Amino acid sequence: MRSCFVDTNLFIRYLTNDDPAKAERVEQLLKDAAAGKVRLVTAEMVIAEVVWVLESSYGLKCAEVAPLIRGILATAGLEVLNAPLVARALEHYESRNIDFIDGYIAAVMEKQGITELYSFDRKHVSRIQSITRKEP
């Protein structure tokens, strides 16, 4: 079975259906993956870009974006690299009303056992109690 990488724009077409013909093609690709005809792989950076595009270009809010990302994570035949970190980032993003990337940073820090973060960002980081923000 061949492996193929999935880029951001395929997820956007599928999730928004802003181009129905392309959305249908993506849907067929996902069905093929679920049937074991192809192995699909994507990365956490792609997921971060999907979140950003849905928020910035389509005006979706966290409560609308989070279920869409969970759907991607649960897609049969699709491997999201570092999926547990993405899932944890999504929890931070949704429950603490922070940027997805800040949630991802917090998830990586948790995994690495790091509790101190050098950052000038006071707003979002302060919402995660397990992190102590410091400035250089």
C-alpha atoms as a PDB file:
ATOM      1  CA  MET A   1       0.000   0.000   0.000  1.00  0.00           C
ATOM      2  CA  ARG A   2       1.343   3.404  -0.900  1.00  0.00           C
ATOM      3  CA  SER A   3       1.585   6.263   1.595  1.00  0.00           C
ATOM      4  CA  CYS A   4       0.696   9.831   0.672  1.00  0.00           C
ATOM      5  CA  PHE A   5       0.899  13.089   2.594  1.00  0.00           C
ATOM      6  CA  VAL A   6      -2.211  15.248   2.936  1.00  0.00           C
ATOM      7  CA  ASP A   7      -1.823  19.025   2.745  1.00  0.00           C
ATOM      8  CA  THR A   8      -3.905  21.696   4.461  1.00  0.00           C
ATOM      9  CA  ASN A   9      -5.967  22.690   1.438  1.00  0.00           C
ATOM     10  CA  LEU A  10      -7.524  19.234   1.122  1.00  0.00           C
ATOM     11  CA  PHE A  11      -8.830  19.428   4.678  1.00  0.00           C
ATOM     12  CA  ILE A  12     -10.110  22.964   4.080  1.00  0.00           C
ATOM     13  CA  ARG A  13     -11.964  21.982   0.889  1.00  0.00           C
ATOM     14  CA  TYR A  14     -13.504  18.982   2.643  1.00  0.00           C
ATOM     15  CA  LEU A  15     -14.448  20.745   5.886  1.00  0.00           C
ATOM     16  CA  THR A  16     -15.869  23.891   4.305  1.00  0.00           C
ATOM     17  CA  ASN A  17     -17.263  22.416   1.074  1.00  0.00           C
ATOM     18  CA  ASP A  18     -16.431  25.763  -0.520  1.00  0.00           C
ATOM     19  CA  ASP A  19     -15.580  23.919  -3.732  1.00  0.00           C
ATOM     20  CA  PRO A  20     -18.019  20.974  -3.860  1.00  0.00           C
ATOM     21  CA  ALA A  21     -16.216  19.172  -6.688  1.00  0.00           C
ATOM     22  CA  LYS A  22     -12.920  19.199  -4.793  1.00  0.00           C
ATOM     23  CA  ALA A  23     -14.672  18.311  -1.519  1.00  0.00           C
ATOM     24  CA  GLU A  24     -16.145  15.233  -3.224  1.00  0.00           C
ATOM     25  CA  ARG A  25     -12.709  14.195  -4.474  1.00  0.00           C
ATOM     26  CA  VAL A  26     -11.293  14.535  -0.971  1.00  0.00           C
ATOM     27  CA  GLU A  27     -14.205  12.537   0.422  1.00  0.00           C
ATOM     28  CA  GLN A  28     -13.418   9.739  -2.025  1.00  0.00           C
ATOM     29  CA  LEU A  29      -9.746   9.826  -1.017  1.00  0.00           C
ATOM     30  CA  LEU A  30     -10.745   9.520   2.644  1.00  0.00           C
ATOM     31  CA  LYS A  31     -13.026   6.586   1.796  1.00  0.00           C
ATOM     32  CA  ASP A  32     -10.149   4.928  -0.048  1.00  0.00           C
ATOM     33  CA  ALA A  33      -7.946   5.397   3.020  1.00  0.00           C
ATOM     34  CA  ALA A  34     -10.601   3.964   5.324  1.00  0.00           C
ATOM     35  CA  ALA A  35     -10.858   0.966   2.993  1.00  0.00           C
ATOM     36  CA  GLY A  36      -7.093   0.428   3.176  1.00  0.00           C
ATOM     37  CA  LYS A  37      -6.395   1.360  -0.439  1.00  0.00           C
ATOM     38  CA  VAL A  38      -3.993   4.153   0.532  1.00  0.00           C
ATOM     39  CA  ARG A  39      -2.305   5.241   3.741  1.00  0.00           C
ATOM     40  CA  LEU A  40      -2.668   8.956   4.381  1.00  0.00           C
ATOM     41  CA  VAL A  41      -0.306  10.905   6.622  1.00  0.00           C
ATOM     42  CA  THR A  42      -0.325  14.509   7.768  1.00  0.00           C
ATOM     43  CA  ALA A  43       1.583  16.517  10.357  1.00  0.00           C
ATOM     44  CA  GLU A  44       0.736  18.643  13.332  1.00  0.00           C
ATOM     45  CA  MET A  45       1.844  21.731  11.408  1.00  0.00           C
ATOM     46  CA  VAL A  46      -0.841  20.993   8.827  1.00  0.00           C
ATOM     47  CA  ILE A  47      -3.416  20.747  11.612  1.00  0.00           C
ATOM     48  CA  ALA A  48      -2.200  24.072  13.033  1.00  0.00           C
ATOM     49  CA  GLU A  49      -2.613  25.643   9.601  1.00  0.00           C
ATOM     50  CA  VAL A  50      -6.110  24.159   9.262  1.00  0.00           C
ATOM     51  CA  VAL A  51      -7.056  25.777  12.591  1.00  0.00           C
ATOM     52  CA  TRP A  52      -5.581  29.106  11.504  1.00  0.00           C
ATOM     53  CA  VAL A  53      -7.320  29.097   8.108  1.00  0.00           C
ATOM     54  CA  LEU A  54     -10.686  28.134   9.587  1.00  0.00           C
ATOM     55  CA  GLU A  55     -10.405  30.952  12.131  1.00  0.00           C
ATOM     56  CA  SER A  56      -8.888  33.671   9.966  1.00  0.00           C
ATOM     57  CA  SER A  57     -10.451  33.040   6.562  1.00  0.00           C
ATOM     58  CA  TYR A  58     -13.756  31.428   7.495  1.00  0.00           C
ATOM     59  CA  GLY A  59     -14.403  33.220  10.799  1.00  0.00           C
ATOM     60  CA  LEU A  60     -14.977  30.039  12.779  1.00  0.00           C
ATOM     61  CA  LYS A  61     -14.659  30.106  16.550  1.00  0.00           C
ATOM     62  CA  CYS A  62     -12.884  27.608  18.766  1.00  0.00           C
ATOM     63  CA  ALA A  63     -16.132  25.783  19.577  1.00  0.00           C
ATOM     64  CA  GLU A  64     -16.669  25.215  15.848  1.00  0.00           C
ATOM     65  CA  VAL A  65     -13.067  24.368  14.979  1.00  0.00           C
ATOM     66  CA  ALA A  66     -12.344  21.865  17.764  1.00  0.00           C
ATOM     67  CA  PRO A  67     -14.901  19.241  16.650  1.00  0.00           C
ATOM     68  CA  LEU A  68     -13.605  19.472  13.076  1.00  0.00           C
ATOM     69  CA  ILE A  69     -10.052  18.783  14.226  1.00  0.00           C
ATOM     70  CA  ARG A  70     -11.252  15.899  16.394  1.00  0.00           C
ATOM     71  CA  GLY A  71     -12.872  14.497  13.260  1.00  0.00           C
ATOM     72  CA  ILE A  72      -9.559  14.648  11.432  1.00  0.00           C
ATOM     73  CA  LEU A  73      -7.825  12.883  14.319  1.00  0.00           C
ATOM     74  CA  ALA A  74     -10.459  10.126  14.254  1.00  0.00           C
ATOM     75  CA  THR A  75     -10.382   9.573  10.483  1.00  0.00           C
ATOM     76  CA  ALA A  76      -9.744   5.935   9.622  1.00  0.00           C
ATOM     77  CA  GLY A  77      -6.757   5.454   7.361  1.00  0.00           C
ATOM     78  CA  LEU A  78      -5.270   8.862   8.229  1.00  0.00           C
ATOM     79  CA  GLU A  79      -2.265   9.153  10.510  1.00  0.00           C
ATOM     80  CA  VAL A  80      -1.642  12.520  12.131  1.00  0.00           C
ATOM     81  CA  LEU A  81       1.975  12.639  13.245  1.00  0.00           C
ATOM     82  CA  ASN A  82       2.198  13.304  16.981  1.00  0.00           C
ATOM     83  CA  ALA A  83      -1.563  12.871  17.268  1.00  0.00           C
ATOM     84  CA  PRO A  84      -1.520  12.658  21.091  1.00  0.00           C
ATOM     85  CA  LEU A  85       0.185  16.064  21.246  1.00  0.00           C
ATOM     86  CA  VAL A  86      -2.340  17.486  18.790  1.00  0.00           C
ATOM     87  CA  ALA A  87      -5.200  16.096  20.879  1.00  0.00           C
ATOM     88  CA  ARG A  88      -3.745  17.596  24.054  1.00  0.00           C
ATOM     89  CA  ALA A  89      -3.170  20.925  22.285  1.00  0.00           C
ATOM     90  CA  LEU A  90      -6.802  20.829  21.236  1.00  0.00           C
ATOM     91  CA  GLU A  91      -7.848  20.341  24.864  1.00  0.00           C
ATOM     92  CA  HIS A  92      -5.868  23.425  25.914  1.00  0.00           C
ATOM     93  CA  TYR A  93      -7.175  25.408  22.937  1.00  0.00           C
ATOM     94  CA  GLU A  94     -10.768  24.568  23.710  1.00  0.00           C
ATOM     95  CA  SER A  95     -10.837  24.597  27.505  1.00  0.00           C
ATOM     96  CA  ARG A  96      -8.584  27.581  28.148  1.00  0.00           C
ATOM     97  CA  ASN A  97      -9.511  29.790  25.193  1.00  0.00           C
ATOM     98  CA  ILE A  98      -5.945  30.079  23.947  1.00  0.00           C
ATOM     99  CA  ASP A  99      -4.376  29.935  20.505  1.00  0.00           C
ATOM    100  CA  PHE A 100      -3.931  26.405  19.160  1.00  0.00           C
ATOM    101  CA  ILE A 101      -0.170  26.927  18.854  1.00  0.00           C
ATOM    102  CA  ASP A 102       0.051  27.986  22.513  1.00  0.00           C
ATOM    103  CA  GLY A 103      -1.898  24.840  23.368  1.00  0.00           C
ATOM    104  CA  TYR A 104       0.574  22.804  21.349  1.00  0.00           C
ATOM    105  CA  ILE A 105       3.511  24.421  23.126  1.00  0.00           C
ATOM    106  CA  ALA A 106       1.902  23.560  26.474  1.00  0.00           C
ATOM    107  CA  ALA A 107       1.358  19.958  25.324  1.00  0.00           C
ATOM    108  CA  VAL A 108       5.002  19.617  24.274  1.00  0.00           C
ATOM    109  CA  MET A 109       6.143  21.126  27.573  1.00  0.00           C
ATOM    110  CA  GLU A 110       3.979  18.652  29.510  1.00  0.00           C
ATOM    111  CA  LYS A 111       5.376  15.737  27.537  1.00  0.00           C
ATOM    112  CA  GLN A 112       8.925  16.923  28.172  1.00  0.00           C
ATOM    113  CA  GLY A 113       8.313  17.658  31.884  1.00  0.00           C
ATOM    114  CA  ILE A 114       9.089  21.350  31.387  1.00  0.00           C
ATOM    115  CA  THR A 115       7.235  23.857  33.574  1.00  0.00           C
ATOM    116  CA  GLU A 116       8.981  27.137  32.819  1.00  0.00           C
ATOM    117  CA  LEU A 117       8.525  29.063  29.587  1.00  0.00           C
ATOM    118  CA  TYR A 118      10.407  32.095  28.386  1.00  0.00           C
ATOM    119  CA  SER A 119       7.838  34.274  26.662  1.00  0.00           C
ATOM    120  CA  PHE A 120       6.595  37.827  26.438  1.00  0.00           C
ATOM    121  CA  ASP A 121       3.050  36.496  25.920  1.00  0.00           C
ATOM    122  CA  ARG A 122       1.197  37.167  29.145  1.00  0.00           C
ATOM    123  CA  LYS A 123      -2.349  36.679  27.911  1.00  0.00           C
ATOM    124  CA  HIS A 124      -2.556  33.060  26.813  1.00  0.00           C
ATOM    125  CA  VAL A 125       0.248  31.429  28.759  1.00  0.00           C
ATOM    126  CA  SER A 126      -1.163  32.676  32.049  1.00  0.00           C
ATOM    127  CA  ARG A 127      -4.261  30.539  31.430  1.00  0.00           C
ATOM    128  CA  ILE A 128      -2.244  27.351  31.860  1.00  0.00           C
ATOM    129  CA  GLN A 129      -1.566  26.887  35.566  1.00  0.00           C
ATOM    130  CA  SER A 130       1.149  24.276  35.098  1.00  0.00           C
ATOM    131  CA  ILE A 131       3.373  26.771  33.264  1.00  0.00           C
ATOM    132  CA  THR A 132       5.413  29.515  34.860  1.00  0.00           C
ATOM    133  CA  ARG A 133       6.122  32.285  32.371  1.00  0.00           C
ATOM    134  CA  LYS A 134       9.430  34.069  32.621  1.00  0.00           C
ATOM    135  CA  GLU A 135      10.997  36.903  30.662  1.00  0.00           C
ATOM    136  CA  PRO A 136      14.669  36.965  29.786  1.00  0.00           C
END
